Amino acid sequence: MHRYIVYILSIAFLSACSYGTYEMNKGRLNIAAKASYKVTYKVLASSSATVTFTDESGNQKTLENISGEWEKSIEIKSGQKVQFTVDSKDKQQASVLVDQKPVSDIEKTNKTAHYSLSFVLP
């Protein structure tokens, strides 16, 4: 019985090692308040990735089969919640900038990766 438990725990551990997760809710950003902000989403994926982001109207937009470099800059109004998610099966680099200043940047290699970021503009 003891060997069986060790076997199951080993399989669970090895499965977890092949999947990288990064999720962060930054809450309200501590930046100067103004009417709107330029939000830039960037992704570099070595294989097919799914990208979900907040668009200009505050809705979530999903794009599939993104590979290579992808970038989208949009104006988002003050007080808006921004969400950005990237799922890929291999190497991934993802970042979000607000008015050209980095809010988050992450790089995952050699594993399935899930990156999720949310924040509220002041």
PDB file of N, CA and C in Angstrom:
ATOM      1  N   MET A   1       0.833  -1.198   0.000  1.00  0.00           N
ATOM      2  CA  MET A   1       0.000   0.000   0.000  1.00  0.00           C
ATOM      3  C   MET A   1       0.878   1.262   0.000  1.00  0.00           C
ATOM      4  N   HIS A   2       1.945   1.212   0.806  1.00  0.00           N
ATOM      5  CA  HIS A   2       2.851   2.358   0.891  1.00  0.00           C
ATOM      6  C   HIS A   2       3.482   2.665  -0.476  1.00  0.00           C
ATOM      7  N   ARG A   3       3.887   1.637  -1.203  1.00  0.00           N
ATOM      8  CA  ARG A   3       4.470   1.828  -2.537  1.00  0.00           C
ATOM      9  C   ARG A   3       3.462   2.452  -3.494  1.00  0.00           C
ATOM     10  N   TYR A   4       2.229   2.039  -3.390  1.00  0.00           N
ATOM     11  CA  TYR A   4       1.167   2.573  -4.245  1.00  0.00           C
ATOM     12  C   TYR A   4       0.990   4.073  -4.020  1.00  0.00           C
ATOM     13  N   ILE A   5       0.998   4.508  -2.772  1.00  0.00           N
ATOM     14  CA  ILE A   5       0.856   5.930  -2.438  1.00  0.00           C
ATOM     15  C   ILE A   5       2.057   6.711  -2.959  1.00  0.00           C
ATOM     16  N   VAL A   6       3.255   6.180  -2.769  1.00  0.00           N
ATOM     17  CA  VAL A   6       4.466   6.843  -3.261  1.00  0.00           C
ATOM     18  C   VAL A   6       4.419   6.940  -4.787  1.00  0.00           C
ATOM     19  N   TYR A   7       3.968   5.903  -5.448  1.00  0.00           N
ATOM     20  CA  TYR A   7       3.850   5.903  -6.910  1.00  0.00           C
ATOM     21  C   TYR A   7       2.886   7.000  -7.373  1.00  0.00           C
ATOM     22  N   ILE A   8       1.718   7.083  -6.763  1.00  0.00           N
ATOM     23  CA  ILE A   8       0.713   8.095  -7.136  1.00  0.00           C
ATOM     24  C   ILE A   8       1.259   9.497  -6.890  1.00  0.00           C
ATOM     25  N   LEU A   9       1.907   9.720  -5.754  1.00  0.00           N
ATOM     26  CA  LEU A   9       2.483  11.036  -5.461  1.00  0.00           C
ATOM     27  C   LEU A   9       3.592  11.390  -6.453  1.00  0.00           C
ATOM     28  N   SER A  10       4.378  10.415  -6.856  1.00  0.00           N
ATOM     29  CA  SER A  10       5.443  10.661  -7.833  1.00  0.00           C
ATOM     30  C   SER A  10       4.866  11.067  -9.182  1.00  0.00           C
ATOM     31  N   ILE A  11       3.829  10.383  -9.612  1.00  0.00           N
ATOM     32  CA  ILE A  11       3.181  10.723 -10.885  1.00  0.00           C
ATOM     33  C   ILE A  11       2.594  12.133 -10.820  1.00  0.00           C
ATOM     34  N   ALA A  12       1.949  12.465  -9.718  1.00  0.00           N
ATOM     35  CA  ALA A  12       1.369  13.805  -9.567  1.00  0.00           C
ATOM     36  C   ALA A  12       2.456  14.867  -9.604  1.00  0.00           C
ATOM     37  N   PHE A  13       3.574  14.622  -8.935  1.00  0.00           N
ATOM     38  CA  PHE A  13       4.679  15.580  -8.915  1.00  0.00           C
ATOM     39  C   PHE A  13       5.267  15.770 -10.314  1.00  0.00           C
ATOM     40  N   LEU A  14       5.525  14.684 -11.013  1.00  0.00           N
ATOM     41  CA  LEU A  14       6.099  14.778 -12.348  1.00  0.00           C
ATOM     42  C   LEU A  14       5.145  15.461 -13.321  1.00  0.00           C
ATOM     43  N   SER A  15       3.862  15.236 -13.167  1.00  0.00           N
ATOM     44  CA  SER A  15       2.880  15.915 -14.012  1.00  0.00           C
ATOM     45  C   SER A  15       2.896  17.407 -13.766  1.00  0.00           C
ATOM     46  N   ALA A  16       3.023  17.801 -12.517  1.00  0.00           N
ATOM     47  CA  ALA A  16       3.047  19.219 -12.176  1.00  0.00           C
ATOM     48  C   ALA A  16       4.295  19.903 -12.717  1.00  0.00           C
ATOM     49  N   CYS A  17       5.395  19.172 -12.820  1.00  0.00           N
ATOM     50  CA  CYS A  17       6.641  19.755 -13.311  1.00  0.00           C
ATOM     51  C   CYS A  17       6.566  20.135 -14.787  1.00  0.00           C
ATOM     52  N   SER A  18       5.667  19.538 -15.534  1.00  0.00           N
ATOM     53  CA  SER A  18       5.587  19.827 -16.953  1.00  0.00           C
ATOM     54  C   SER A  18       4.595  20.949 -17.263  1.00  0.00           C
ATOM     55  N   TYR A  19       4.043  21.568 -16.244  1.00  0.00           N
ATOM     56  CA  TYR A  19       3.055  22.628 -16.445  1.00  0.00           C
ATOM     57  C   TYR A  19       3.425  23.827 -15.594  1.00  0.00           C
ATOM     58  N   GLY A  20       3.628  24.982 -16.204  1.00  0.00           N
ATOM     59  CA  GLY A  20       3.981  26.189 -15.468  1.00  0.00           C
ATOM     60  C   GLY A  20       2.804  27.139 -15.412  1.00  0.00           C
ATOM     61  N   THR A  21       2.475  27.597 -14.213  1.00  0.00           N
ATOM     62  CA  THR A  21       1.349  28.513 -14.035  1.00  0.00           C
ATOM     63  C   THR A  21       1.820  29.784 -13.353  1.00  0.00           C
ATOM     64  N   TYR A  22       1.365  30.917 -13.891  1.00  0.00           N
ATOM     65  CA  TYR A  22       1.622  32.214 -13.279  1.00  0.00           C
ATOM     66  C   TYR A  22       0.311  32.980 -13.319  1.00  0.00           C
ATOM     67  N   GLU A  23      -0.251  33.247 -12.153  1.00  0.00           N
ATOM     68  CA  GLU A  23      -1.489  34.017 -12.066  1.00  0.00           C
ATOM     69  C   GLU A  23      -1.305  35.125 -11.040  1.00  0.00           C
ATOM     70  N   MET A  24      -1.642  36.348 -11.440  1.00  0.00           N
ATOM     71  CA  MET A  24      -1.493  37.464 -10.521  1.00  0.00           C
ATOM     72  C   MET A  24      -2.621  38.472 -10.706  1.00  0.00           C
ATOM     73  N   ASN A  25      -3.165  38.912  -9.576  1.00  0.00           N
ATOM     74  CA  ASN A  25      -4.122  40.008  -9.557  1.00  0.00           C
ATOM     75  C   ASN A  25      -3.438  41.159  -8.830  1.00  0.00           C
ATOM     76  N   LYS A  26      -3.074  42.195  -9.559  1.00  0.00           N
ATOM     77  CA  LYS A  26      -2.347  43.317  -8.982  1.00  0.00           C
ATOM     78  C   LYS A  26      -3.259  44.355  -8.339  1.00  0.00           C
ATOM     79  N   GLY A  27      -4.582  44.184  -8.489  1.00  0.00           N
ATOM     80  CA  GLY A  27      -5.504  45.170  -7.929  1.00  0.00           C
ATOM     81  C   GLY A  27      -5.378  46.498  -8.661  1.00  0.00           C
ATOM     82  N   ARG A  28      -5.664  47.581  -7.947  1.00  0.00           N
ATOM     83  CA  ARG A  28      -5.581  48.917  -8.542  1.00  0.00           C
ATOM     84  C   ARG A  28      -4.113  49.326  -8.669  1.00  0.00           C
ATOM     85  N   LEU A  29      -3.711  49.713  -9.888  1.00  0.00           N
ATOM     86  CA  LEU A  29      -2.325  50.127 -10.112  1.00  0.00           C
ATOM     87  C   LEU A  29      -2.039  51.455  -9.421  1.00  0.00           C
ATOM     88  N   ASN A  30      -0.845  51.566  -8.897  1.00  0.00           N
ATOM     89  CA  ASN A  30      -0.423  52.780  -8.200  1.00  0.00           C
ATOM     90  C   ASN A  30       0.315  53.691  -9.189  1.00  0.00           C
ATOM     91  N   ILE A  31      -0.471  54.283 -10.100  1.00  0.00           N
ATOM     92  CA  ILE A  31       0.069  55.209 -11.091  1.00  0.00           C
ATOM     93  C   ILE A  31      -0.827  56.442 -11.119  1.00  0.00           C
ATOM     94  N   ALA A  32      -0.349  57.500 -11.739  1.00  0.00           N
ATOM     95  CA  ALA A  32      -1.112  58.751 -11.798  1.00  0.00           C
ATOM     96  C   ALA A  32      -2.440  58.554 -12.531  1.00  0.00           C
ATOM     97  N   ALA A  33      -3.491  59.131 -11.985  1.00  0.00           N
ATOM     98  CA  ALA A  33      -4.819  59.025 -12.597  1.00  0.00           C
ATOM     99  C   ALA A  33      -4.931  59.965 -13.794  1.00  0.00           C
ATOM    100  N   LYS A  34      -5.588  59.481 -14.840  1.00  0.00           N
ATOM    101  CA  LYS A  34      -5.880  60.281 -16.021  1.00  0.00           C
ATOM    102  C   LYS A  34      -7.073  59.651 -16.737  1.00  0.00           C
ATOM    103  N   ALA A  35      -7.526  60.237 -17.821  1.00  0.00           N
ATOM    104  CA  ALA A  35      -8.755  59.787 -18.488  1.00  0.00           C
ATOM    105  C   ALA A  35      -8.624  58.409 -19.125  1.00  0.00           C
ATOM    106  N   SER A  36      -7.468  58.116 -19.745  1.00  0.00           N
ATOM    107  CA  SER A  36      -7.264  56.815 -20.380  1.00  0.00           C
ATOM    108  C   SER A  36      -5.780  56.481 -20.397  1.00  0.00           C
ATOM    109  N   TYR A  37      -5.504  55.214 -20.679  1.00  0.00           N
ATOM    110  CA  TYR A  37      -4.131  54.703 -20.662  1.00  0.00           C
ATOM    111  C   TYR A  37      -3.882  53.868 -21.904  1.00  0.00           C
ATOM    112  N   LYS A  38      -2.635  53.883 -22.374  1.00  0.00           N
ATOM    113  CA  LYS A  38      -2.247  53.011 -23.475  1.00  0.00           C
ATOM    114  C   LYS A  38      -1.753  51.697 -22.870  1.00  0.00           C
ATOM    115  N   VAL A  39      -2.498  50.623 -23.114  1.00  0.00           N
ATOM    116  CA  VAL A  39      -2.132  49.296 -22.618  1.00  0.00           C
ATOM    117  C   VAL A  39      -1.581  48.490 -23.788  1.00  0.00           C
ATOM    118  N   THR A  40      -0.402  47.924 -23.593  1.00  0.00           N
ATOM    119  CA  THR A  40       0.247  47.124 -24.630  1.00  0.00           C
ATOM    120  C   THR A  40       0.424  45.703 -24.126  1.00  0.00           C
ATOM    121  N   TYR A  41      -0.104  44.760 -24.903  1.00  0.00           N
ATOM    122  CA  TYR A  41       0.054  43.337 -24.627  1.00  0.00           C
ATOM    123  C   TYR A  41       1.095  42.793 -25.594  1.00  0.00           C
ATOM    124  N   LYS A  42       2.023  41.965 -25.088  1.00  0.00           N
ATOM    125  CA  LYS A  42       3.053  41.376 -25.946  1.00  0.00           C
ATOM    126  C   LYS A  42       3.180  39.886 -25.643  1.00  0.00           C
ATOM    127  N   VAL A  43       3.335  39.105 -26.705  1.00  0.00           N
ATOM    128  CA  VAL A  43       3.531  37.668 -26.560  1.00  0.00           C
ATOM    129  C   VAL A  43       4.588  37.216 -27.567  1.00  0.00           C
ATOM    130  N   LEU A  44       5.459  36.345 -27.114  1.00  0.00           N
ATOM    131  CA  LEU A  44       6.384  35.636 -27.988  1.00  0.00           C
ATOM    132  C   LEU A  44       6.194  34.158 -27.674  1.00  0.00           C
ATOM    133  N   ALA A  45       5.621  33.418 -28.603  1.00  0.00           N
ATOM    134  CA  ALA A  45       5.330  31.998 -28.395  1.00  0.00           C
ATOM    135  C   ALA A  45       5.997  31.175 -29.486  1.00  0.00           C
ATOM    136  N   SER A  46       6.665  30.096 -29.073  1.00  0.00           N
ATOM    137  CA  SER A  46       7.345  29.262 -30.065  1.00  0.00           C
ATOM    138  C   SER A  46       6.389  28.299 -30.758  1.00  0.00           C
ATOM    139  N   SER A  47       5.226  28.085 -30.158  1.00  0.00           N
ATOM    140  CA  SER A  47       4.209  27.253 -30.803  1.00  0.00           C
ATOM    141  C   SER A  47       2.851  27.911 -30.611  1.00  0.00           C
ATOM    142  N   SER A  48       1.838  27.278 -31.066  1.00  0.00           N
ATOM    143  CA  SER A  48       0.482  27.821 -31.025  1.00  0.00           C
ATOM    144  C   SER A  48       0.059  28.212 -29.611  1.00  0.00           C
ATOM    145  N   ALA A  49      -0.349  29.466 -29.431  1.00  0.00           N
ATOM    146  CA  ALA A  49      -0.796  29.969 -28.130  1.00  0.00           C
ATOM    147  C   ALA A  49      -2.197  30.561 -28.267  1.00  0.00           C
ATOM    148  N   THR A  50      -2.926  30.555 -27.163  1.00  0.00           N
ATOM    149  CA  THR A  50      -4.229  31.210 -27.093  1.00  0.00           C
ATOM    150  C   THR A  50      -4.076  32.440 -26.210  1.00  0.00           C
ATOM    151  N   VAL A  51      -4.491  33.588 -26.727  1.00  0.00           N
ATOM    152  CA  VAL A  51      -4.342  34.861 -26.026  1.00  0.00           C
ATOM    153  C   VAL A  51      -5.730  35.454 -25.798  1.00  0.00           C
ATOM    154  N   THR A  52      -6.006  35.839 -24.554  1.00  0.00           N
ATOM    155  CA  THR A  52      -7.257  36.518 -24.217  1.00  0.00           C
ATOM    156  C   THR A  52      -6.903  37.837 -23.551  1.00  0.00           C
ATOM    157  N   PHE A  53      -7.530  38.938 -24.015  1.00  0.00           N
ATOM    158  CA  PHE A  53      -7.188  40.256 -23.484  1.00  0.00           C
ATOM    159  C   PHE A  53      -8.422  41.147 -23.423  1.00  0.00           C
ATOM    160  N   THR A  54      -8.349  42.186 -22.603  1.00  0.00           N
ATOM    161  CA  THR A  54      -9.401  43.194 -22.523  1.00  0.00           C
ATOM    162  C   THR A  54      -9.226  44.163 -23.680  1.00  0.00           C
ATOM    163  N   ASP A  55     -10.313  44.382 -24.444  1.00  0.00           N
ATOM    164  CA  ASP A  55     -10.226  45.304 -25.574  1.00  0.00           C
ATOM    165  C   ASP A  55     -10.676  46.711 -25.164  1.00  0.00           C
ATOM    166  N   GLU A  56     -10.755  47.623 -26.146  1.00  0.00           N
ATOM    167  CA  GLU A  56     -11.080  49.027 -25.893  1.00  0.00           C
ATOM    168  C   GLU A  56     -12.434  49.219 -25.209  1.00  0.00           C
ATOM    169  N   SER A  57     -13.377  48.337 -25.473  1.00  0.00           N
ATOM    170  CA  SER A  57     -14.718  48.488 -24.898  1.00  0.00           C
ATOM    171  C   SER A  57     -14.874  47.752 -23.568  1.00  0.00           C
ATOM    172  N   GLY A  58     -13.802  47.132 -23.074  1.00  0.00           N
ATOM    173  CA  GLY A  58     -13.854  46.429 -21.793  1.00  0.00           C
ATOM    174  C   GLY A  58     -14.263  44.975 -21.915  1.00  0.00           C
ATOM    175  N   ASN A  59     -14.447  44.491 -23.134  1.00  0.00           N
ATOM    176  CA  ASN A  59     -14.809  43.090 -23.362  1.00  0.00           C
ATOM    177  C   ASN A  59     -13.559  42.236 -23.508  1.00  0.00           C
ATOM    178  N   GLN A  60     -13.707  40.942 -23.245  1.00  0.00           N
ATOM    179  CA  GLN A  60     -12.611  40.004 -23.435  1.00  0.00           C
ATOM    180  C   GLN A  60     -12.624  39.502 -24.874  1.00  0.00           C
ATOM    181  N   LYS A  61     -11.462  39.527 -25.505  1.00  0.00           N
ATOM    182  CA  LYS A  61     -11.316  39.054 -26.878  1.00  0.00           C
ATOM    183  C   LYS A  61     -10.297  37.917 -26.866  1.00  0.00           C
ATOM    184  N   THR A  62     -10.606  36.813 -27.545  1.00  0.00           N
ATOM    185  CA  THR A  62      -9.721  35.653 -27.585  1.00  0.00           C
ATOM    186  C   THR A  62      -9.218  35.418 -29.001  1.00  0.00           C
ATOM    187  N   LEU A  63      -7.902  35.222 -29.117  1.00  0.00           N
ATOM    188  CA  LEU A  63      -7.253  34.884 -30.382  1.00  0.00           C
ATOM    189  C   LEU A  63      -6.561  33.542 -30.201  1.00  0.00           C
ATOM    190  N   GLU A  64      -6.703  32.665 -31.174  1.00  0.00           N
ATOM    191  CA  GLU A  64      -6.088  31.342 -31.091  1.00  0.00           C
ATOM    192  C   GLU A  64      -5.010  31.181 -32.149  1.00  0.00           C
ATOM    193  N   ASN A  65      -4.159  30.209 -31.921  1.00  0.00           N
ATOM    194  CA  ASN A  65      -3.082  29.852 -32.860  1.00  0.00           C
ATOM    195  C   ASN A  65      -2.104  30.997 -33.105  1.00  0.00           C
ATOM    196  N   ILE A  66      -1.746  31.708 -32.045  1.00  0.00           N
ATOM    197  CA  ILE A  66      -0.734  32.761 -32.125  1.00  0.00           C
ATOM    198  C   ILE A  66       0.638  32.101 -31.983  1.00  0.00           C
ATOM    199  N   SER A  67       1.535  32.366 -32.926  1.00  0.00           N
ATOM    200  CA  SER A  67       2.910  31.888 -32.789  1.00  0.00           C
ATOM    201  C   SER A  67       3.841  32.986 -33.277  1.00  0.00           C
ATOM    202  N   GLY A  68       5.057  32.955 -32.772  1.00  0.00           N
ATOM    203  CA  GLY A  68       5.996  34.029 -33.074  1.00  0.00           C
ATOM    204  C   GLY A  68       5.681  35.250 -32.215  1.00  0.00           C
ATOM    205  N   GLU A  69       5.983  36.424 -32.738  1.00  0.00           N
ATOM    206  CA  GLU A  69       5.733  37.661 -31.999  1.00  0.00           C
ATOM    207  C   GLU A  69       4.332  38.185 -32.276  1.00  0.00           C
ATOM    208  N   TRP A  70       3.662  38.633 -31.216  1.00  0.00           N
ATOM    209  CA  TRP A  70       2.341  39.247 -31.330  1.00  0.00           C
ATOM    210  C   TRP A  70       2.309  40.422 -30.363  1.00  0.00           C
ATOM    211  N   GLU A  71       1.759  41.550 -30.812  1.00  0.00           N
ATOM    212  CA  GLU A  71       1.657  42.751 -29.975  1.00  0.00           C
ATOM    213  C   GLU A  71       0.375  43.489 -30.306  1.00  0.00           C
ATOM    214  N   LYS A  72      -0.269  44.018 -29.276  1.00  0.00           N
ATOM    215  CA  LYS A  72      -1.507  44.791 -29.452  1.00  0.00           C
ATOM    216  C   LYS A  72      -1.479  45.946 -28.456  1.00  0.00           C
ATOM    217  N   SER A  73      -1.643  47.180 -28.961  1.00  0.00           N
ATOM    218  CA  SER A  73      -1.725  48.369 -28.111  1.00  0.00           C
ATOM    219  C   SER A  73      -3.100  48.993 -28.270  1.00  0.00           C
ATOM    220  N   ILE A  74      -3.733  49.312 -27.148  1.00  0.00           N
ATOM    221  CA  ILE A  74      -5.071  49.905 -27.175  1.00  0.00           C
ATOM    222  C   ILE A  74      -5.202  50.957 -26.079  1.00  0.00           C
ATOM    223  N   GLU A  75      -6.157  51.849 -26.243  1.00  0.00           N
ATOM    224  CA  GLU A  75      -6.482  52.843 -25.222  1.00  0.00           C
ATOM    225  C   GLU A  75      -7.629  52.299 -24.377  1.00  0.00           C
ATOM    226  N   ILE A  76      -7.425  52.286 -23.059  1.00  0.00           N
ATOM    227  CA  ILE A  76      -8.453  51.813 -22.136  1.00  0.00           C
ATOM    228  C   ILE A  76      -8.746  52.919 -21.136  1.00  0.00           C
ATOM    229  N   LYS A  77     -10.032  53.137 -20.866  1.00  0.00           N
ATOM    230  CA  LYS A  77     -10.461  54.215 -19.979  1.00  0.00           C
ATOM    231  C   LYS A  77     -10.103  53.946 -18.519  1.00  0.00           C
ATOM    232  N   SER A  78      -9.939  55.023 -17.790  1.00  0.00           N
ATOM    233  CA  SER A  78      -9.665  54.968 -16.366  1.00  0.00           C
ATOM    234  C   SER A  78     -10.759  54.192 -15.635  1.00  0.00           C
ATOM    235  N   GLY A  79     -10.378  53.451 -14.590  1.00  0.00           N
ATOM    236  CA  GLY A  79     -11.329  52.693 -13.792  1.00  0.00           C
ATOM    237  C   GLY A  79     -11.650  51.314 -14.337  1.00  0.00           C
ATOM    238  N   GLN A  80     -11.136  50.984 -15.509  1.00  0.00           N
ATOM    239  CA  GLN A  80     -11.429  49.713 -16.169  1.00  0.00           C
ATOM    240  C   GLN A  80     -10.578  48.583 -15.608  1.00  0.00           C
ATOM    241  N   LYS A  81     -11.173  47.392 -15.458  1.00  0.00           N
ATOM    242  CA  LYS A  81     -10.409  46.201 -15.093  1.00  0.00           C
ATOM    243  C   LYS A  81      -9.808  45.618 -16.363  1.00  0.00           C
ATOM    244  N   VAL A  82      -8.534  45.275 -16.308  1.00  0.00           N
ATOM    245  CA  VAL A  82      -7.812  44.721 -17.450  1.00  0.00           C
ATOM    246  C   VAL A  82      -7.418  43.286 -17.103  1.00  0.00           C
ATOM    247  N   GLN A  83      -7.687  42.364 -18.038  1.00  0.00           N
ATOM    248  CA  GLN A  83      -7.312  40.966 -17.866  1.00  0.00           C
ATOM    249  C   GLN A  83      -6.567  40.495 -19.102  1.00  0.00           C
ATOM    250  N   PHE A  84      -5.535  39.689 -18.875  1.00  0.00           N
ATOM    251  CA  PHE A  84      -4.700  39.190 -19.966  1.00  0.00           C
ATOM    252  C   PHE A  84      -4.285  37.764 -19.630  1.00  0.00           C
ATOM    253  N   THR A  85      -4.546  36.832 -20.536  1.00  0.00           N
ATOM    254  CA  THR A  85      -4.215  35.429 -20.314  1.00  0.00           C
ATOM    255  C   THR A  85      -3.559  34.858 -21.563  1.00  0.00           C
ATOM    256  N   VAL A  86      -2.504  34.057 -21.353  1.00  0.00           N
ATOM    257  CA  VAL A  86      -1.826  33.369 -22.452  1.00  0.00           C
ATOM    258  C   VAL A  86      -1.644  31.906 -22.052  1.00  0.00           C
ATOM    259  N   ASP A  87      -2.072  31.009 -22.925  1.00  0.00           N
ATOM    260  CA  ASP A  87      -1.856  29.576 -22.739  1.00  0.00           C
ATOM    261  C   ASP A  87      -1.084  29.059 -23.939  1.00  0.00           C
ATOM    262  N   SER A  88       0.023  28.339 -23.664  1.00  0.00           N
ATOM    263  CA  SER A  88       0.816  27.789 -24.759  1.00  0.00           C
ATOM    264  C   SER A  88       1.367  26.429 -24.366  1.00  0.00           C
ATOM    265  N   LYS A  89       1.875  25.715 -25.350  1.00  0.00           N
ATOM    266  CA  LYS A  89       2.373  24.366 -25.117  1.00  0.00           C
ATOM    267  C   LYS A  89       3.894  24.290 -25.093  1.00  0.00           C
ATOM    268  N   ASP A  90       4.550  25.401 -25.209  1.00  0.00           N
ATOM    269  CA  ASP A  90       6.006  25.384 -25.266  1.00  0.00           C
ATOM    270  C   ASP A  90       6.523  26.728 -24.754  1.00  0.00           C
ATOM    271  N   LYS A  91       7.649  27.168 -25.259  1.00  0.00           N
ATOM    272  CA  LYS A  91       8.261  28.421 -24.813  1.00  0.00           C
ATOM    273  C   LYS A  91       7.298  29.595 -24.968  1.00  0.00           C
ATOM    274  N   GLN A  92       7.319  30.454 -23.959  1.00  0.00           N
ATOM    275  CA  GLN A  92       6.422  31.606 -23.962  1.00  0.00           C
ATOM    276  C   GLN A  92       7.074  32.778 -23.225  1.00  0.00           C
ATOM    277  N   GLN A  93       6.916  33.960 -23.797  1.00  0.00           N
ATOM    278  CA  GLN A  93       7.267  35.190 -23.097  1.00  0.00           C
ATOM    279  C   GLN A  93       6.070  36.109 -23.252  1.00  0.00           C
ATOM    280  N   ALA A  94       5.612  36.661 -22.137  1.00  0.00           N
ATOM    281  CA  ALA A  94       4.438  37.528 -22.176  1.00  0.00           C
ATOM    282  C   ALA A  94       4.674  38.725 -21.277  1.00  0.00           C
ATOM    283  N   SER A  95       4.179  39.885 -21.711  1.00  0.00           N
ATOM    284  CA  SER A  95       4.323  41.090 -20.900  1.00  0.00           C
ATOM    285  C   SER A  95       3.164  42.041 -21.163  1.00  0.00           C
ATOM    286  N   VAL A  96       2.931  42.910 -20.169  1.00  0.00           N
ATOM    287  CA  VAL A  96       1.914  43.949 -20.276  1.00  0.00           C
ATOM    288  C   VAL A  96       2.560  45.260 -19.857  1.00  0.00           C
ATOM    289  N   LEU A  97       2.334  46.297 -20.667  1.00  0.00           N
ATOM    290  CA  LEU A  97       2.839  47.632 -20.350  1.00  0.00           C
ATOM    291  C   LEU A  97       1.671  48.596 -20.274  1.00  0.00           C
ATOM    292  N   VAL A  98       1.760  49.571 -19.388  1.00  0.00           N
ATOM    293  CA  VAL A  98       0.782  50.657 -19.313  1.00  0.00           C
ATOM    294  C   VAL A  98       1.561  51.951 -19.516  1.00  0.00           C
ATOM    295  N   ASP A  99       1.201  52.681 -20.556  1.00  0.00           N
ATOM    296  CA  ASP A  99       1.914  53.908 -20.935  1.00  0.00           C
ATOM    297  C   ASP A  99       3.419  53.662 -21.031  1.00  0.00           C
ATOM    298  N   GLN A 100       3.779  52.571 -21.704  1.00  0.00           N
ATOM    299  CA  GLN A 100       5.162  52.186 -21.989  1.00  0.00           C
ATOM    300  C   GLN A 100       5.949  51.702 -20.765  1.00  0.00           C
ATOM    301  N   LYS A 101       5.292  51.579 -19.600  1.00  0.00           N
ATOM    302  CA  LYS A 101       5.970  51.100 -18.391  1.00  0.00           C
ATOM    303  C   LYS A 101       5.500  49.683 -18.077  1.00  0.00           C
ATOM    304  N   PRO A 102       6.437  48.744 -17.813  1.00  0.00           N
ATOM    305  CA  PRO A 102       6.050  47.358 -17.577  1.00  0.00           C
ATOM    306  C   PRO A 102       5.229  47.169 -16.303  1.00  0.00           C
ATOM    307  N   VAL A 103       4.150  46.408 -16.426  1.00  0.00           N
ATOM    308  CA  VAL A 103       3.330  46.014 -15.276  1.00  0.00           C
ATOM    309  C   VAL A 103       3.713  44.595 -14.881  1.00  0.00           C
ATOM    310  N   SER A 104       3.986  43.754 -15.881  1.00  0.00           N
ATOM    311  CA  SER A 104       4.378  42.368 -15.638  1.00  0.00           C
ATOM    312  C   SER A 104       5.105  41.823 -16.855  1.00  0.00           C
ATOM    313  N   ASP A 105       6.060  40.916 -16.589  1.00  0.00           N
ATOM    314  CA  ASP A 105       6.799  40.253 -17.654  1.00  0.00           C
ATOM    315  C   ASP A 105       7.163  38.861 -17.151  1.00  0.00           C
ATOM    316  N   ILE A 106       6.921  37.865 -17.967  1.00  0.00           N
ATOM    317  CA  ILE A 106       7.216  36.479 -17.557  1.00  0.00           C
ATOM    318  C   ILE A 106       7.743  35.695 -18.743  1.00  0.00           C
ATOM    319  N   GLU A 107       8.625  34.749 -18.446  1.00  0.00           N
ATOM    320  CA  GLU A 107       9.141  33.862 -19.486  1.00  0.00           C
ATOM    321  C   GLU A 107       9.098  32.436 -18.965  1.00  0.00           C
ATOM    322  N   LYS A 108       8.515  31.549 -19.756  1.00  0.00           N
ATOM    323  CA  LYS A 108       8.428  30.127 -19.424  1.00  0.00           C
ATOM    324  C   LYS A 108       9.050  29.353 -20.575  1.00  0.00           C
ATOM    325  N   THR A 109       9.809  28.300 -20.260  1.00  0.00           N
ATOM    326  CA  THR A 109      10.423  27.501 -21.312  1.00  0.00           C
ATOM    327  C   THR A 109      10.227  26.014 -21.045  1.00  0.00           C
ATOM    328  N   ASN A 110      10.170  25.267 -22.136  1.00  0.00           N
ATOM    329  CA  ASN A 110      10.135  23.803 -22.113  1.00  0.00           C
ATOM    330  C   ASN A 110       9.000  23.192 -21.311  1.00  0.00           C
ATOM    331  N   LYS A 111       7.878  23.851 -21.243  1.00  0.00           N
ATOM    332  CA  LYS A 111       6.728  23.261 -20.570  1.00  0.00           C
ATOM    333  C   LYS A 111       5.464  23.980 -21.009  1.00  0.00           C
ATOM    334  N   THR A 112       4.342  23.333 -20.794  1.00  0.00           N
ATOM    335  CA  THR A 112       3.063  23.978 -21.035  1.00  0.00           C
ATOM    336  C   THR A 112       2.953  25.139 -20.058  1.00  0.00           C
ATOM    337  N   ALA A 113       2.517  26.291 -20.542  1.00  0.00           N
ATOM    338  CA  ALA A 113       2.512  27.479 -19.695  1.00  0.00           C
ATOM    339  C   ALA A 113       1.153  28.166 -19.709  1.00  0.00           C
ATOM    340  N   HIS A 114       0.767  28.645 -18.530  1.00  0.00           N
ATOM    341  CA  HIS A 114      -0.449  29.434 -18.366  1.00  0.00           C
ATOM    342  C   HIS A 114      -0.048  30.710 -17.631  1.00  0.00           C
ATOM    343  N   TYR A 115      -0.318  31.860 -18.255  1.00  0.00           N
ATOM    344  CA  TYR A 115       0.011  33.169 -17.689  1.00  0.00           C
ATOM    345  C   TYR A 115      -1.280  33.961 -17.612  1.00  0.00           C
ATOM    346  N   SER A 116      -1.590  34.473 -16.441  1.00  0.00           N
ATOM    347  CA  SER A 116      -2.806  35.259 -16.270  1.00  0.00           C
ATOM    348  C   SER A 116      -2.511  36.466 -15.388  1.00  0.00           C
ATOM    349  N   LEU A 117      -2.908  37.627 -15.870  1.00  0.00           N
ATOM    350  CA  LEU A 117      -2.681  38.876 -15.140  1.00  0.00           C
ATOM    351  C   LEU A 117      -3.949  39.703 -15.165  1.00  0.00           C
ATOM    352  N   SER A 118      -4.287  40.296 -14.031  1.00  0.00           N
ATOM    353  CA  SER A 118      -5.404  41.238 -13.989  1.00  0.00           C
ATOM    354  C   SER A 118      -5.037  42.419 -13.104  1.00  0.00           C
ATOM    355  N   PHE A 119      -5.590  43.586 -13.436  1.00  0.00           N
ATOM    356  CA  PHE A 119      -5.373  44.789 -12.644  1.00  0.00           C
ATOM    357  C   PHE A 119      -6.456  45.781 -12.996  1.00  0.00           C
ATOM    358  N   VAL A 120      -6.563  46.841 -12.179  1.00  0.00           N
ATOM    359  CA  VAL A 120      -7.547  47.902 -12.414  1.00  0.00           C
ATOM    360  C   VAL A 120      -6.785  49.190 -12.652  1.00  0.00           C
ATOM    361  N   LEU A 121      -7.157  49.899 -13.701  1.00  0.00           N
ATOM    362  CA  LEU A 121      -6.544  51.208 -13.973  1.00  0.00           C
ATOM    363  C   LEU A 121      -7.152  52.243 -13.030  1.00  0.00           C
ATOM    364  N   PRO A 122      -6.353  53.165 -12.494  1.00  0.00           N
ATOM    365  CA  PRO A 122      -6.895  54.179 -11.565  1.00  0.00           C
ATOM    366  C   PRO A 122      -7.882  55.125 -12.225  1.00  0.00           C
TER     367      PRO A 122
END
